[in-house]
Each structure stands twice: as structure tokens, then as C-alpha cells.
Amino acid sequence: MAPLNESNLTPVASIATGTQLSPSTGDFCYFLILCYSASGLEQEGYMMTEVTMYVGQALTDAPDSFRVDFQNELKAALRKLPEVTVLDFVGLENGTAQDVYLHDRKCTTSATLCVFIVDYASIGLGMEIMIRHHAGGPVLFFAKTGRKVTRMLTGYIECMDKTLTRYNEVEDIIVVVKEYLQHTETH
């Protein structure tokens, strides 16, 4: 990776501030704060800002092996990626129904990237996908190889020029997410 220096940093703002050092003499100390914008560093592999990621998936009617085991494995692997924070949903046991809706809506709209696992039919997941659609922002869709996915969703994915990526194991998802993060302007 290239070092940070004048060739890839551009001054974009300066702020001068001061503080009085001595009330009796009136001496001041001034500080100049320079703000820089990095250019071209994404191509060098620098991650410019932290990525917040929301993982949406079926919960209510999904089997425990998916709802608990798969979710924990996927989120643990995503959390190992540098500069990535994975947002958690409220889940099935905690909070009220309103808490779930308000929290998950906030996560879905504010995340830098939403990763939707569409292995099982879910009204809540469908709502999250549409909330994200209206909020804008990047999404990645995944479904286990061999799992049926509703044509309503596959039609949406095609109309929005997105991709439904099939996976066999969690590592397949991680590879695609890493590739996305390396080639996108969201970081």
C-alpha cells in the first residue's frame, strides 16, 4: 500500500482556533487544524471509513440451525473483516414488536451495506428489503444453493439489476462481501 503523503492527500478545509494562555498578558495560542481528503487510496486497498453492515434473514419460521447457528457463524466471520461493524437485530425474544420494527428499520436504513440471506420465506425480511430499497444504498443477496426463492424477489433483483449469489457455506458469502468492499465506493 502507498504511504499517506502530500501526493494522495488534498487539503479541503482549515480551522483556526485559539485559547488564551495568560489572562494577565493577553497571550494567545492559536491552533491550525487542517482537514484532508484522500484521493486514489481505495485502489491501493485503504478502507477509508468504517463499514456498518446489516444482515437480514428469516427468523420466525426458519429452523434453529439457520436462525441461530448459521447467523452466529456468518456474523462472526463478517466481524473479522477489517473496519466492519455488524449491526444486530432485536430477534425473536427481546423487546416488543414495536421495538423490533423500529430497531430493524433503523439498521436497514442506516447501514453502509445490507446483506440479505433469502434462504427462507419471511415477511419481515421482505419488509426489510423494501425499506432498504426506498432508503437507497447497496445490497447483496444470497441464497443457499438449491433453495427455492420466491419469484417476486428474483424478479425484483432482476429489475433492480442486482445479483442473487448462491452459496454453499459461509465462506462463500465472505468472499463475495470482501470482493464487494474492495471494489466499491462505500469505503
Protein backbone atom coordinates (compact mmCIF):
# COMPACT_ATOMS: atom_id res chain seq x y z
CA MET A 1 0.00 0.00 0.00
CA ALA A 2 1.12 3.52 -0.73
CA PRO A 3 2.03 5.68 2.28
CA LEU A 4 -0.17 8.64 3.16
CA ASN A 5 1.57 11.79 1.93
CA GLU A 6 1.02 15.05 0.02
CA SER A 7 0.56 13.20 -3.27
CA ASN A 8 -2.60 11.42 -2.13
CA LEU A 9 -3.95 13.88 0.43
CA THR A 10 -5.71 17.09 -0.60
CA PRO A 11 -6.38 19.91 1.89
CA VAL A 12 -10.12 20.61 1.93
CA ALA A 13 -10.54 22.87 4.97
CA SER A 14 -8.65 24.61 7.71
CA ILE A 15 -9.92 25.74 11.07
CA ALA A 16 -8.12 28.25 13.24
CA THR A 17 -8.90 28.31 16.92
CA GLY A 18 -7.24 29.91 19.86
CA THR A 19 -7.04 29.78 23.59
CA GLN A 20 -5.84 32.45 26.00
CA LEU A 21 -2.65 31.31 27.69
CA SER A 22 -2.30 34.11 30.20
CA PRO A 23 -5.15 36.38 31.24
CA SER A 24 -2.66 38.91 32.68
CA THR A 25 -0.59 39.32 29.47
CA GLY A 26 -3.33 38.58 26.96
CA ASP A 27 -1.15 35.98 25.20
CA PHE A 28 -3.00 33.53 22.99
CA CYS A 29 -2.01 30.23 21.46
CA TYR A 30 -3.53 29.55 18.06
CA PHE A 31 -4.08 26.13 16.57
CA LEU A 32 -4.50 25.48 12.89
CA ILE A 33 -6.40 22.28 12.10
CA LEU A 34 -6.06 21.06 8.53
CA CYS A 35 -8.62 18.68 7.10
CA TYR A 36 -7.55 16.45 4.23
CA SER A 37 -9.33 14.36 1.68
CA ALA A 38 -7.62 11.21 0.46
CA SER A 39 -7.62 10.54 -3.26
CA GLY A 40 -6.97 7.30 -5.03
CA LEU A 41 -6.40 5.33 -1.84
CA GLU A 42 -9.29 2.94 -2.45
CA GLN A 43 -7.34 1.45 -5.34
CA GLU A 44 -4.38 0.98 -3.00
CA GLY A 45 -6.51 -1.11 -0.63
CA TYR A 46 -7.10 1.50 2.08
CA MET A 47 -10.52 1.33 3.69
CA MET A 48 -11.50 4.95 4.10
CA THR A 49 -14.30 4.68 6.65
CA GLU A 50 -15.84 2.05 8.80
CA VAL A 51 -18.49 0.00 7.08
CA THR A 52 -21.64 -0.75 9.03
CA MET A 53 -23.30 -3.90 7.81
CA TYR A 54 -26.77 -5.20 8.46
CA VAL A 55 -27.55 -8.86 7.88
CA GLY A 56 -31.22 -9.54 7.18
CA GLN A 57 -32.56 -13.09 7.25
CA ALA A 58 -35.65 -15.08 8.15
CA LEU A 59 -36.15 -15.75 11.84
CA THR A 60 -39.72 -16.63 12.80
CA ASP A 61 -40.20 -19.81 10.74
CA ALA A 62 -36.57 -20.60 10.00
CA PRO A 63 -35.04 -23.72 11.53
CA ASP A 64 -32.77 -23.27 14.55
CA SER A 65 -29.75 -24.42 12.57
CA PHE A 66 -30.24 -21.43 10.25
CA ARG A 67 -31.66 -18.91 12.71
CA VAL A 68 -29.02 -19.48 15.38
CA ASP A 69 -26.03 -21.47 14.15
CA PHE A 70 -25.77 -20.05 10.63
CA GLN A 71 -26.44 -16.49 11.81
CA ASN A 72 -23.77 -16.70 14.52
CA GLU A 73 -21.20 -18.19 12.13
CA LEU A 74 -21.90 -15.59 9.43
CA LYS A 75 -21.84 -12.59 11.75
CA ALA A 76 -18.67 -13.81 13.48
CA ALA A 77 -16.94 -14.15 10.10
CA LEU A 78 -18.12 -10.70 8.96
CA ARG A 79 -16.91 -9.15 12.22
CA LYS A 80 -13.41 -10.41 11.45
CA LEU A 81 -13.26 -8.19 8.35
CA PRO A 82 -11.23 -5.03 8.98
CA GLU A 83 -13.21 -1.83 9.61
CA VAL A 84 -16.57 -3.67 9.56
CA THR A 85 -19.21 -3.32 12.26
CA VAL A 86 -22.11 -5.74 12.03
CA LEU A 87 -25.39 -4.37 13.37
CA ASP A 88 -27.58 -6.78 15.31
CA PHE A 89 -31.33 -7.14 15.07
CA VAL A 90 -33.55 -7.41 18.14
CA GLY A 91 -34.51 -11.01 17.40
CA LEU A 92 -37.44 -13.12 18.49
CA GLU A 93 -37.23 -12.87 22.26
CA ASN A 94 -36.12 -9.34 23.13
CA GLY A 95 -38.22 -6.18 23.11
CA THR A 96 -41.73 -5.52 21.90
CA ALA A 97 -42.97 -5.85 18.33
CA GLN A 98 -42.59 -2.06 18.01
CA ASP A 99 -39.02 -2.27 19.29
CA VAL A 100 -38.23 -4.87 16.64
CA TYR A 101 -39.72 -2.81 13.82
CA LEU A 102 -38.13 0.49 14.86
CA HIS A 103 -34.70 -1.00 15.55
CA ASP A 104 -34.52 -3.15 12.42
CA ARG A 105 -35.83 -0.29 10.26
CA LYS A 106 -33.11 1.97 11.64
CA CYS A 107 -30.43 -0.66 10.97
CA THR A 108 -31.76 -1.34 7.47
CA THR A 109 -31.78 2.34 6.52
CA SER A 110 -28.54 3.42 8.19
CA ALA A 111 -26.18 0.55 7.32
CA THR A 112 -23.49 1.18 4.76
CA LEU A 113 -24.27 -2.23 3.27
CA CYS A 114 -27.18 -4.63 3.74
CA VAL A 115 -26.57 -8.34 3.25
CA PHE A 116 -29.82 -10.25 2.77
CA ILE A 117 -29.86 -14.02 3.17
CA VAL A 118 -33.04 -15.19 1.43
CA ASP A 119 -32.92 -18.94 2.12
CA TYR A 120 -36.34 -18.97 3.82
CA ALA A 121 -39.53 -17.07 3.10
CA SER A 122 -40.08 -14.25 5.57
CA ILE A 123 -42.49 -11.32 5.63
CA GLY A 124 -40.14 -9.38 7.92
CA LEU A 125 -37.18 -9.93 5.60
CA GLY A 126 -39.29 -8.82 2.64
CA MET A 127 -40.20 -5.67 4.55
CA GLU A 128 -36.52 -5.00 5.30
CA ILE A 129 -35.65 -5.41 1.63
CA MET A 130 -38.31 -2.88 0.64
CA ILE A 131 -37.32 -0.47 3.43
CA ARG A 132 -33.75 -0.62 2.11
CA HIS A 133 -35.00 -0.16 -1.45
CA HIS A 134 -36.78 3.07 -0.50
CA ALA A 135 -33.87 4.29 1.62
CA GLY A 136 -31.36 3.55 -1.14
CA GLY A 137 -27.96 2.08 -0.56
CA PRO A 138 -26.08 -1.02 -1.59
CA VAL A 139 -27.37 -4.54 -1.02
CA LEU A 140 -26.09 -8.05 -1.59
CA PHE A 141 -28.46 -11.01 -1.89
CA PHE A 142 -27.52 -14.60 -1.07
CA ALA A 143 -29.39 -17.91 -1.17
CA LYS A 144 -28.13 -21.40 -0.38
CA THR A 145 -27.53 -23.49 -3.49
CA GLY A 146 -30.68 -25.50 -4.20
CA ARG A 147 -33.03 -23.35 -2.05
CA LYS A 148 -36.18 -22.07 -3.76
CA VAL A 149 -36.51 -18.28 -3.77
CA THR A 150 -39.83 -16.60 -4.49
CA ARG A 151 -40.16 -15.23 -7.99
CA MET A 152 -41.35 -11.94 -6.57
CA LEU A 153 -37.89 -11.46 -5.09
CA THR A 154 -35.94 -12.85 -8.04
CA GLY A 155 -37.99 -10.57 -10.30
CA TYR A 156 -37.18 -7.58 -8.07
CA ILE A 157 -33.48 -8.49 -8.11
CA GLU A 158 -33.51 -8.68 -11.91
CA CYS A 159 -35.45 -5.41 -12.32
CA MET A 160 -33.04 -3.61 -9.98
CA ASP A 161 -30.04 -5.05 -11.85
CA LYS A 162 -28.80 -6.85 -8.73
CA THR A 163 -27.45 -10.37 -8.35
CA LEU A 164 -28.66 -13.30 -6.30
CA THR A 165 -25.48 -15.13 -5.33
CA ARG A 166 -25.77 -18.81 -4.49
CA TYR A 167 -23.58 -20.12 -1.67
CA ASN A 168 -22.69 -23.49 -0.17
CA GLU A 169 -21.04 -22.32 3.04
CA VAL A 170 -20.48 -19.11 4.99
CA GLU A 171 -17.02 -18.63 3.47
CA ASP A 172 -18.65 -18.23 0.03
CA ILE A 173 -20.57 -15.23 1.37
CA ILE A 174 -17.48 -13.76 3.00
CA VAL A 175 -15.54 -13.96 -0.28
CA VAL A 176 -18.24 -12.01 -2.13
CA VAL A 177 -18.56 -9.41 0.64
CA LYS A 178 -14.77 -8.89 0.71
CA GLU A 179 -14.69 -8.51 -3.07
CA TYR A 180 -17.55 -6.03 -2.90
CA LEU A 181 -15.82 -3.96 -0.20
CA GLN A 182 -12.59 -3.88 -2.20
CA HIS A 183 -14.32 -2.64 -5.37
CA THR A 184 -16.90 -0.20 -4.12
CA GLU A 185 -17.05 3.45 -3.23
CA THR A 186 -18.80 2.77 0.09
CA HIS A 187 -15.44 2.67 1.83
